[in-house]
PDB file of N, CA and C in Angstrom:
ATOM      1  N   MET A   1     -16.668  10.721  -2.484  1.00  0.00           N
ATOM      2  CA  MET A   1     -15.784   9.518  -2.375  1.00  0.00           C
ATOM      3  C   MET A   1     -16.536   8.791  -3.912  1.00  0.00           C
ATOM      4  N   ASN A   2     -18.144   8.869  -4.345  1.00  0.00           N
ATOM      5  CA  ASN A   2     -18.773   8.166  -5.308  1.00  0.00           C
ATOM      6  C   ASN A   2     -18.689   8.940  -6.601  1.00  0.00           C
ATOM      7  N   GLU A   3     -17.453   9.736  -6.580  1.00  0.00           N
ATOM      8  CA  GLU A   3     -16.843  10.073  -8.408  1.00  0.00           C
ATOM      9  C   GLU A   3     -15.559   9.172  -8.215  1.00  0.00           C
ATOM     10  N   LEU A   4     -15.470   8.345  -7.237  1.00  0.00           N
ATOM     11  CA  LEU A   4     -13.757   7.627  -7.369  1.00  0.00           C
ATOM     12  C   LEU A   4     -13.866   6.347  -7.776  1.00  0.00           C
ATOM     13  N   ASP A   5     -12.452   6.033  -8.533  1.00  0.00           N
ATOM     14  CA  ASP A   5     -13.267   3.915  -8.865  1.00  0.00           C
ATOM     15  C   ASP A   5     -12.243   2.998  -7.031  1.00  0.00           C
ATOM     16  N   TYR A   6     -12.657   3.423  -6.318  1.00  0.00           N
ATOM     17  CA  TYR A   6     -11.715   2.771  -5.576  1.00  0.00           C
ATOM     18  C   TYR A   6     -13.044   1.315  -5.519  1.00  0.00           C
ATOM     19  N   GLY A   7     -11.265   0.899  -5.341  1.00  0.00           N
ATOM     20  CA  GLY A   7     -11.615  -1.011  -5.184  1.00  0.00           C
ATOM     21  C   GLY A   7     -11.813  -1.492  -3.298  1.00  0.00           C
ATOM     22  N   GLY A   8     -11.750  -0.506  -2.977  1.00  0.00           N
ATOM     23  CA  GLY A   8     -11.235  -0.782  -1.290  1.00  0.00           C
ATOM     24  C   GLY A   8     -10.473  -0.283  -0.828  1.00  0.00           C
ATOM     25  N   PHE A   9      -9.821  -0.312  -0.003  1.00  0.00           N
ATOM     26  CA  PHE A   9      -8.533   1.100   1.134  1.00  0.00           C
ATOM     27  C   PHE A   9      -7.546  -0.234   1.997  1.00  0.00           C
ATOM     28  N   LYS A  10      -6.311   1.363   2.841  1.00  0.00           N
ATOM     29  CA  LYS A  10      -5.627   0.436   2.551  1.00  0.00           C
ATOM     30  C   LYS A  10      -5.055   0.928   3.991  1.00  0.00           C
ATOM     31  N   LEU A  11      -5.366   0.547   5.307  1.00  0.00           N
ATOM     32  CA  LEU A  11      -4.805   1.969   6.789  1.00  0.00           C
ATOM     33  C   LEU A  11      -3.994   1.457   7.585  1.00  0.00           C
ATOM     34  N   HIS A  12      -3.192   2.104   7.560  1.00  0.00           N
ATOM     35  CA  HIS A  12      -1.793   2.027   7.764  1.00  0.00           C
ATOM     36  C   HIS A  12      -2.061   2.929   9.116  1.00  0.00           C
ATOM     37  N   PRO A  13      -2.385   2.248  10.300  1.00  0.00           N
ATOM     38  CA  PRO A  13      -2.480   3.376  11.591  1.00  0.00           C
ATOM     39  C   PRO A  13      -1.607   3.643  12.292  1.00  0.00           C
ATOM     40  N   TYR A  14       0.263   2.795  12.008  1.00  0.00           N
ATOM     41  CA  TYR A  14       0.662   3.344  12.698  1.00  0.00           C
ATOM     42  C   TYR A  14       1.713   4.481  12.199  1.00  0.00           C
ATOM     43  N   GLY A  15       1.406   3.909  10.547  1.00  0.00           N
ATOM     44  CA  GLY A  15       2.472   5.088  10.186  1.00  0.00           C
ATOM     45  C   GLY A  15       1.530   6.314  10.083  1.00  0.00           C
ATOM     46  N   ASN A  16       0.083   5.884   9.674  1.00  0.00           N
ATOM     47  CA  ASN A  16      -0.446   7.694  10.018  1.00  0.00           C
ATOM     48  C   ASN A  16      -1.009   7.906  10.527  1.00  0.00           C
ATOM     49  N   LYS A  17      -0.296   7.309  11.598  1.00  0.00           N
ATOM     50  CA  LYS A  17      -0.416   7.736  13.552  1.00  0.00           C
ATOM     51  C   LYS A  17      -2.028   7.904  13.913  1.00  0.00           C
ATOM     52  N   TRP A  18      -2.855   6.152  13.371  1.00  0.00           N
ATOM     53  CA  TRP A  18      -4.454   6.645  14.188  1.00  0.00           C
ATOM     54  C   TRP A  18      -4.343   6.920  15.105  1.00  0.00           C
ATOM     55  N   ASP A  19      -5.275   7.503  16.769  1.00  0.00           N
ATOM     56  CA  ASP A  19      -5.648   7.640  17.495  1.00  0.00           C
ATOM     57  C   ASP A  19      -7.047   7.747  17.979  1.00  0.00           C
ATOM     58  N   PHE A  20      -8.047   6.848  17.025  1.00  0.00           N
ATOM     59  CA  PHE A  20      -9.076   6.823  17.444  1.00  0.00           C
ATOM     60  C   PHE A  20     -10.133   7.103  18.944  1.00  0.00           C
ATOM     61  N   GLU A  21      -9.190   6.431  19.412  1.00  0.00           N
ATOM     62  CA  GLU A  21     -10.340   6.482  20.906  1.00  0.00           C
ATOM     63  C   GLU A  21      -9.713   8.023  21.579  1.00  0.00           C
ATOM     64  N   ASN A  22      -8.858   8.952  21.073  1.00  0.00           N
ATOM     65  CA  ASN A  22      -8.317  10.173  22.144  1.00  0.00           C
ATOM     66  C   ASN A  22      -9.143  10.961  20.925  1.00  0.00           C
ATOM     67  N   ASP A  23      -8.778  11.319  20.080  1.00  0.00           N
ATOM     68  CA  ASP A  23      -9.045  11.937  18.531  1.00  0.00           C
ATOM     69  C   ASP A  23     -10.731  11.347  17.454  1.00  0.00           C
ATOM     70  N   GLY A  24     -11.480  12.509  18.569  1.00  0.00           N
ATOM     71  CA  GLY A  24     -12.930  11.693  17.367  1.00  0.00           C
ATOM     72  C   GLY A  24     -13.236  12.047  16.295  1.00  0.00           C
ATOM     73  N   LYS A  25     -12.120  13.301  15.236  1.00  0.00           N
ATOM     74  CA  LYS A  25     -11.948  13.365  14.343  1.00  0.00           C
ATOM     75  C   LYS A  25     -11.747  11.783  13.273  1.00  0.00           C
ATOM     76  N   HIS A  26     -10.671  11.140  14.398  1.00  0.00           N
ATOM     77  CA  HIS A  26      -9.972  10.254  13.187  1.00  0.00           C
ATOM     78  C   HIS A  26     -10.498   9.014  13.582  1.00  0.00           C
ATOM     79  N   LEU A  27     -11.947   8.929  14.380  1.00  0.00           N
ATOM     80  CA  LEU A  27     -12.220   7.590  15.090  1.00  0.00           C
ATOM     81  C   LEU A  27     -13.532   8.279  14.034  1.00  0.00           C
ATOM     82  N   GLU A  28     -14.458   9.451  13.725  1.00  0.00           N
ATOM     83  CA  GLU A  28     -15.504   9.934  12.736  1.00  0.00           C
ATOM     84  C   GLU A  28     -15.290   9.196  10.593  1.00  0.00           C
ATOM     85  N   ILE A  29     -13.687   9.917  10.647  1.00  0.00           N
ATOM     86  CA  ILE A  29     -13.349   8.896  10.185  1.00  0.00           C
ATOM     87  C   ILE A  29     -13.083   7.818   9.121  1.00  0.00           C
ATOM     88  N   LEU A  30     -12.506   7.125  10.415  1.00  0.00           N
ATOM     89  CA  LEU A  30     -11.899   5.113  10.541  1.00  0.00           C
ATOM     90  C   LEU A  30     -14.067   5.151  10.205  1.00  0.00           C
ATOM     91  N   HIS A  31     -15.323   5.376  11.304  1.00  0.00           N
ATOM     92  CA  HIS A  31     -16.402   4.895  10.459  1.00  0.00           C
ATOM     93  C   HIS A  31     -17.159   5.474   9.207  1.00  0.00           C
ATOM     94  N   LYS A  32     -16.149   6.100   9.070  1.00  0.00           N
ATOM     95  CA  LYS A  32     -16.973   6.643   6.981  1.00  0.00           C
ATOM     96  C   LYS A  32     -16.350   5.676   6.329  1.00  0.00           C
ATOM     97  N   VAL A  33     -14.781   5.614   6.610  1.00  0.00           N
ATOM     98  CA  VAL A  33     -14.192   4.820   5.797  1.00  0.00           C
ATOM     99  C   VAL A  33     -15.163   3.057   5.802  1.00  0.00           C
ATOM    100  N   PHE A  34     -15.335   2.979   7.225  1.00  0.00           N
ATOM    101  CA  PHE A  34     -15.797   1.060   7.026  1.00  0.00           C
ATOM    102  C   PHE A  34     -17.424   1.130   6.566  1.00  0.00           C
ATOM    103  N   ASP A  35     -18.114   2.443   7.210  1.00  0.00           N
ATOM    104  CA  ASP A  35     -19.557   2.613   6.317  1.00  0.00           C
ATOM    105  C   ASP A  35     -19.303   2.651   5.176  1.00  0.00           C
ATOM    106  N   TYR A  36     -18.535   3.321   3.261  1.00  0.00           N
ATOM    107  CA  TYR A  36     -18.360   3.126   2.563  1.00  0.00           C
ATOM    108  C   TYR A  36     -17.676   1.691   1.771  1.00  0.00           C
ATOM    109  N   ALA A  37     -16.944   0.891   2.998  1.00  0.00           N
ATOM    110  CA  ALA A  37     -16.443  -0.183   2.519  1.00  0.00           C
ATOM    111  C   ALA A  37     -17.992  -1.044   2.874  1.00  0.00           C
ATOM    112  N   ASP A  38     -18.324  -1.311   4.151  1.00  0.00           N
ATOM    113  CA  ASP A  38     -19.605  -1.726   4.280  1.00  0.00           C
ATOM    114  C   ASP A  38     -20.833  -1.719   2.995  1.00  0.00           C
ATOM    115  N   ARG A  39     -20.867  -0.657   2.808  1.00  0.00           N
ATOM    116  CA  ARG A  39     -21.902  -0.682   1.550  1.00  0.00           C
ATOM    117  C   ARG A  39     -21.488  -1.308   0.034  1.00  0.00           C
ATOM    118  N   ARG A  40     -20.955  -0.629  -0.205  1.00  0.00           N
ATOM    119  CA  ARG A  40     -20.060  -1.568  -1.093  1.00  0.00           C
ATOM    120  C   ARG A  40     -19.877  -2.908  -1.596  1.00  0.00           C
ATOM    121  N   ASN A  41     -19.286  -3.499  -0.416  1.00  0.00           N
ATOM    122  CA  ASN A  41     -18.493  -5.102   0.021  1.00  0.00           C
ATOM    123  C   ASN A  41     -17.032  -4.543  -0.031  1.00  0.00           C
ATOM    124  N   PHE A  42     -16.874  -3.125  -0.263  1.00  0.00           N
ATOM    125  CA  PHE A  42     -14.948  -2.886  -0.095  1.00  0.00           C
ATOM    126  C   PHE A  42     -14.452  -3.951   0.569  1.00  0.00           C
ATOM    127  N   PRO A  43     -12.965  -4.267   0.379  1.00  0.00           N
ATOM    128  CA  PRO A  43     -11.948  -4.793   1.529  1.00  0.00           C
ATOM    129  C   PRO A  43     -11.449  -3.707   1.969  1.00  0.00           C
ATOM    130  N   ILE A  44     -11.203  -3.960   3.108  1.00  0.00           N
ATOM    131  CA  ILE A  44     -10.311  -2.851   4.005  1.00  0.00           C
ATOM    132  C   ILE A  44      -9.111  -3.925   4.223  1.00  0.00           C
ATOM    133  N   LEU A  45      -7.755  -3.554   3.331  1.00  0.00           N
ATOM    134  CA  LEU A  45      -6.536  -4.099   4.152  1.00  0.00           C
ATOM    135  C   LEU A  45      -6.004  -2.539   5.276  1.00  0.00           C
ATOM    136  N   ILE A  46      -6.145  -3.704   6.685  1.00  0.00           N
ATOM    137  CA  ILE A  46      -5.425  -2.869   7.838  1.00  0.00           C
ATOM    138  C   ILE A  46      -4.077  -3.151   8.408  1.00  0.00           C
ATOM    139  N   HIS A  47      -2.800  -2.603   7.949  1.00  0.00           N
ATOM    140  CA  HIS A  47      -1.771  -3.150   8.440  1.00  0.00           C
ATOM    141  C   HIS A  47      -1.199  -3.459  10.219  1.00  0.00           C
ATOM    142  N   THR A  48      -0.940  -4.130  10.591  1.00  0.00           N
ATOM    143  CA  THR A  48      -1.377  -4.908  12.284  1.00  0.00           C
ATOM    144  C   THR A  48       0.642  -4.669  12.206  1.00  0.00           C
ATOM    145  N   GLY A  49       0.274  -5.449  13.195  1.00  0.00           N
ATOM    146  CA  GLY A  49       2.035  -4.717  14.022  1.00  0.00           C
ATOM    147  C   GLY A  49       1.612  -5.259  15.926  1.00  0.00           C
ATOM    148  N   GLU A  50       2.528  -4.846  16.076  1.00  0.00           N
ATOM    149  CA  GLU A  50       2.986  -4.527  17.676  1.00  0.00           C
ATOM    150  C   GLU A  50       2.792  -3.753  18.720  1.00  0.00           C
ATOM    151  N   SER A  51       3.130  -2.142  18.034  1.00  0.00           N
ATOM    152  CA  SER A  51       3.301  -1.282  18.315  1.00  0.00           C
ATOM    153  C   SER A  51       2.150  -0.601  19.173  1.00  0.00           C
ATOM    154  N   GLY A  52       1.122  -1.360  19.250  1.00  0.00           N
ATOM    155  CA  GLY A  52      -0.130  -0.338  20.273  1.00  0.00           C
ATOM    156  C   GLY A  52      -0.678   0.039  19.331  1.00  0.00           C
ATOM    157  N   VAL A  53      -0.562   0.809  18.157  1.00  0.00           N
ATOM    158  CA  VAL A  53      -1.684   1.531  17.954  1.00  0.00           C
ATOM    159  C   VAL A  53      -2.192   0.567  16.296  1.00  0.00           C
ATOM    160  N   ASP A  54      -0.890  -0.051  16.402  1.00  0.00           N
ATOM    161  CA  ASP A  54      -1.841  -1.335  15.031  1.00  0.00           C
ATOM    162  C   ASP A  54      -2.489  -2.187  15.088  1.00  0.00           C
ATOM    163  N   ARG A  55      -2.681  -3.023  16.958  1.00  0.00           N
ATOM    164  CA  ARG A  55      -2.912  -4.220  16.380  1.00  0.00           C
ATOM    165  C   ARG A  55      -3.883  -4.356  16.481  1.00  0.00           C
ATOM    166  N   PRO A  56      -4.516  -5.500  15.677  1.00  0.00           N
ATOM    167  CA  PRO A  56      -5.294  -6.266  15.210  1.00  0.00           C
ATOM    168  C   PRO A  56      -6.416  -5.747  16.115  1.00  0.00           C
ATOM    169  N   ASN A  57      -6.565  -5.752  17.438  1.00  0.00           N
ATOM    170  CA  ASN A  57      -7.780  -5.412  18.404  1.00  0.00           C
ATOM    171  C   ASN A  57      -8.823  -4.072  18.030  1.00  0.00           C
ATOM    172  N   ARG A  58      -7.557  -3.906  18.289  1.00  0.00           N
ATOM    173  CA  ARG A  58      -8.235  -2.278  18.529  1.00  0.00           C
ATOM    174  C   ARG A  58      -9.756  -2.253  17.484  1.00  0.00           C
ATOM    175  N   PHE A  59      -9.486  -2.769  16.455  1.00  0.00           N
ATOM    176  CA  PHE A  59     -10.304  -2.148  15.411  1.00  0.00           C
ATOM    177  C   PHE A  59     -11.862  -3.248  15.468  1.00  0.00           C
ATOM    178  N   GLU A  60     -10.907  -4.721  16.072  1.00  0.00           N
ATOM    179  CA  GLU A  60     -12.315  -4.550  16.038  1.00  0.00           C
ATOM    180  C   GLU A  60     -13.716  -5.403  16.285  1.00  0.00           C
ATOM    181  N   ARG A  61     -13.980  -3.666  17.149  1.00  0.00           N
ATOM    182  CA  ARG A  61     -15.929  -2.904  17.254  1.00  0.00           C
ATOM    183  C   ARG A  61     -15.990  -3.191  15.956  1.00  0.00           C
ATOM    184  N   PHE A  62     -15.215  -2.373  15.178  1.00  0.00           N
ATOM    185  CA  PHE A  62     -15.771  -1.877  13.715  1.00  0.00           C
ATOM    186  C   PHE A  62     -16.776  -3.484  12.580  1.00  0.00           C
ATOM    187  N   PHE A  63     -15.132  -4.357  13.242  1.00  0.00           N
ATOM    188  CA  PHE A  63     -15.667  -6.061  12.430  1.00  0.00           C
ATOM    189  C   PHE A  63     -16.435  -5.953  12.708  1.00  0.00           C
ATOM    190  N   GLY A  64     -17.514  -6.048  13.580  1.00  0.00           N
ATOM    191  CA  GLY A  64     -18.678  -6.763  14.060  1.00  0.00           C
ATOM    192  C   GLY A  64     -19.827  -5.546  13.936  1.00  0.00           C
ATOM    193  N   GLU A  65     -19.442  -4.549  13.871  1.00  0.00           N
ATOM    194  CA  GLU A  65     -20.160  -3.463  13.300  1.00  0.00           C
ATOM    195  C   GLU A  65     -20.268  -3.131  11.995  1.00  0.00           C
ATOM    196  N   TYR A  66     -20.008  -3.283  11.848  1.00  0.00           N
ATOM    197  CA  TYR A  66     -19.153  -3.611   9.320  1.00  0.00           C
ATOM    198  C   TYR A  66     -19.228  -5.047   8.893  1.00  0.00           C
ATOM    199  N   LYS A  67     -20.905  -5.709   9.747  1.00  0.00           N
ATOM    200  CA  LYS A  67     -20.598  -6.926   8.511  1.00  0.00           C
ATOM    201  C   LYS A  67     -20.116  -6.715   7.033  1.00  0.00           C
ATOM    202  N   ASN A  68     -20.112  -6.156   5.733  1.00  0.00           N
ATOM    203  CA  ASN A  68     -20.512  -5.745   4.478  1.00  0.00           C
ATOM    204  C   ASN A  68     -18.585  -6.311   4.095  1.00  0.00           C
ATOM    205  N   ALA A  69     -18.474  -5.133   4.776  1.00  0.00           N
ATOM    206  CA  ALA A  69     -16.811  -4.556   4.764  1.00  0.00           C
ATOM    207  C   ALA A  69     -16.271  -5.994   4.794  1.00  0.00           C
ATOM    208  N   LYS A  70     -15.030  -6.411   3.799  1.00  0.00           N
ATOM    209  CA  LYS A  70     -14.227  -7.505   3.521  1.00  0.00           C
ATOM    210  C   LYS A  70     -12.883  -6.808   4.350  1.00  0.00           C
ATOM    211  N   ILE A  71     -12.584  -7.545   5.790  1.00  0.00           N
ATOM    212  CA  ILE A  71     -11.866  -7.456   6.380  1.00  0.00           C
ATOM    213  C   ILE A  71      -9.892  -7.637   6.439  1.00  0.00           C
ATOM    214  N   ILE A  72      -9.083  -7.448   5.733  1.00  0.00           N
ATOM    215  CA  ILE A  72      -7.609  -7.798   5.742  1.00  0.00           C
ATOM    216  C   ILE A  72      -6.645  -7.761   6.759  1.00  0.00           C
ATOM    217  N   LEU A  73      -6.165  -8.904   7.290  1.00  0.00           N
ATOM    218  CA  LEU A  73      -4.912  -7.991   8.684  1.00  0.00           C
ATOM    219  C   LEU A  73      -3.859  -8.546   7.905  1.00  0.00           C
ATOM    220  N   ALA A  74      -3.301  -7.520   7.092  1.00  0.00           N
ATOM    221  CA  ALA A  74      -1.984  -7.399   7.163  1.00  0.00           C
ATOM    222  C   ALA A  74      -0.815  -7.559   8.102  1.00  0.00           C
ATOM    223  N   HIS A  75      -0.530  -9.246   7.831  1.00  0.00           N
ATOM    224  CA  HIS A  75       1.098  -9.165   8.730  1.00  0.00           C
ATOM    225  C   HIS A  75       0.436 -10.131   9.315  1.00  0.00           C
ATOM    226  N   SER A  76      -1.213  -9.886  10.494  1.00  0.00           N
ATOM    227  CA  SER A  76      -1.653 -10.872  10.671  1.00  0.00           C
ATOM    228  C   SER A  76      -0.814 -10.842  12.832  1.00  0.00           C
ATOM    229  N   ARG A  77       0.298  -9.165  13.137  1.00  0.00           N
ATOM    230  CA  ARG A  77       0.589  -9.152  14.214  1.00  0.00           C
ATOM    231  C   ARG A  77       0.441  -8.751  14.983  1.00  0.00           C
ATOM    232  N   PRO A  78      -0.044  -8.887  15.837  1.00  0.00           N
ATOM    233  CA  PRO A  78       0.312 -10.690  16.600  1.00  0.00           C
ATOM    234  C   PRO A  78      -0.276 -11.741  17.037  1.00  0.00           C
ATOM    235  N   VAL A  79       0.246 -12.840  15.438  1.00  0.00           N
ATOM    236  CA  VAL A  79      -0.242 -13.349  15.366  1.00  0.00           C
ATOM    237  C   VAL A  79      -1.558 -14.119  16.032  1.00  0.00           C
ATOM    238  N   ASN A  80      -0.818 -14.402  17.902  1.00  0.00           N
ATOM    239  CA  ASN A  80      -1.636 -14.684  18.849  1.00  0.00           C
ATOM    240  C   ASN A  80      -2.576 -14.024  18.564  1.00  0.00           C
ATOM    241  N   GLU A  81      -3.091 -13.173  19.133  1.00  0.00           N
ATOM    242  CA  GLU A  81      -4.427 -12.309  18.478  1.00  0.00           C
ATOM    243  C   GLU A  81      -5.313 -12.204  17.966  1.00  0.00           C
ATOM    244  N   THR A  82      -4.667 -12.649  16.349  1.00  0.00           N
ATOM    245  CA  THR A  82      -5.238 -12.309  15.341  1.00  0.00           C
ATOM    246  C   THR A  82      -5.526 -13.756  15.336  1.00  0.00           C
ATOM    247  N   ILE A  83      -5.037 -15.016  15.837  1.00  0.00           N
ATOM    248  CA  ILE A  83      -6.095 -16.010  15.875  1.00  0.00           C
ATOM    249  C   ILE A  83      -6.816 -16.001  16.650  1.00  0.00           C
ATOM    250  N   LYS A  84      -6.760 -15.954  17.718  1.00  0.00           N
ATOM    251  CA  LYS A  84      -7.878 -14.964  19.097  1.00  0.00           C
ATOM    252  C   LYS A  84      -9.198 -14.742  18.127  1.00  0.00           C
ATOM    253  N   MET A  85      -8.705 -13.680  17.754  1.00  0.00           N
ATOM    254  CA  MET A  85      -9.945 -12.851  16.625  1.00  0.00           C
ATOM    255  C   MET A  85     -10.149 -14.116  16.398  1.00  0.00           C
ATOM    256  N   LEU A  86     -10.149 -15.196  15.041  1.00  0.00           N
ATOM    257  CA  LEU A  86     -10.103 -15.761  13.779  1.00  0.00           C
ATOM    258  C   LEU A  86     -10.976 -16.441  14.917  1.00  0.00           C
ATOM    259  N   LYS A  87     -10.990 -17.219  16.178  1.00  0.00           N
ATOM    260  CA  LYS A  87     -11.305 -18.408  16.390  1.00  0.00           C
ATOM    261  C   LYS A  87     -12.634 -17.962  17.171  1.00  0.00           C
ATOM    262  N   LYS A  88     -13.123 -16.372  17.634  1.00  0.00           N
ATOM    263  CA  LYS A  88     -14.212 -15.539  18.376  1.00  0.00           C
ATOM    264  C   LYS A  88     -15.054 -15.825  16.992  1.00  0.00           C
ATOM    265  N   GLY A  89     -14.249 -15.438  15.399  1.00  0.00           N
ATOM    266  CA  GLY A  89     -15.763 -15.636  14.453  1.00  0.00           C
ATOM    267  C   GLY A  89     -15.367 -13.863  14.652  1.00  0.00           C
ATOM    268  N   SER A  90     -14.482 -13.046  14.840  1.00  0.00           N
ATOM    269  CA  SER A  90     -15.069 -11.491  15.043  1.00  0.00           C
ATOM    270  C   SER A  90     -14.215 -10.978  12.881  1.00  0.00           C
ATOM    271  N   ILE A  91     -12.767 -11.286  12.776  1.00  0.00           N
ATOM    272  CA  ILE A  91     -13.749 -11.357  11.702  1.00  0.00           C
ATOM    273  C   ILE A  91     -13.442 -12.310  10.535  1.00  0.00           C
ATOM    274  N   LEU A  92     -14.340 -13.723  10.609  1.00  0.00           N
ATOM    275  CA  LEU A  92     -14.535 -14.598   9.484  1.00  0.00           C
ATOM    276  C   LEU A  92     -16.112 -14.255   8.737  1.00  0.00           C
ATOM    277  N   ARG A  93     -16.343 -14.216   7.934  1.00  0.00           N
ATOM    278  CA  ARG A  93     -18.207 -13.924   7.733  1.00  0.00           C
ATOM    279  C   ARG A  93     -17.667 -15.662   6.860  1.00  0.00           C
TER     280      ARG A  93
END
């Protein structure tokens, strides 16, 4: 990845069927993406929604672990969940 001119990452959990709770490979790749973004202060745009697979709180543990990655919650759905995370300071730095 060092040879590519990345400016950030875009995750689409619903479209790509992310299942990092049950699939160790998905979890490993997700940690690699967050680690790479964290070391380079890159943004990670995460498409959020109400399907369950793309709820923003599923990713909350990564936000705390990788504090230099800049998190963008596209669509911010469900809004009440996103607001709750903002109030807790999970995604604001």
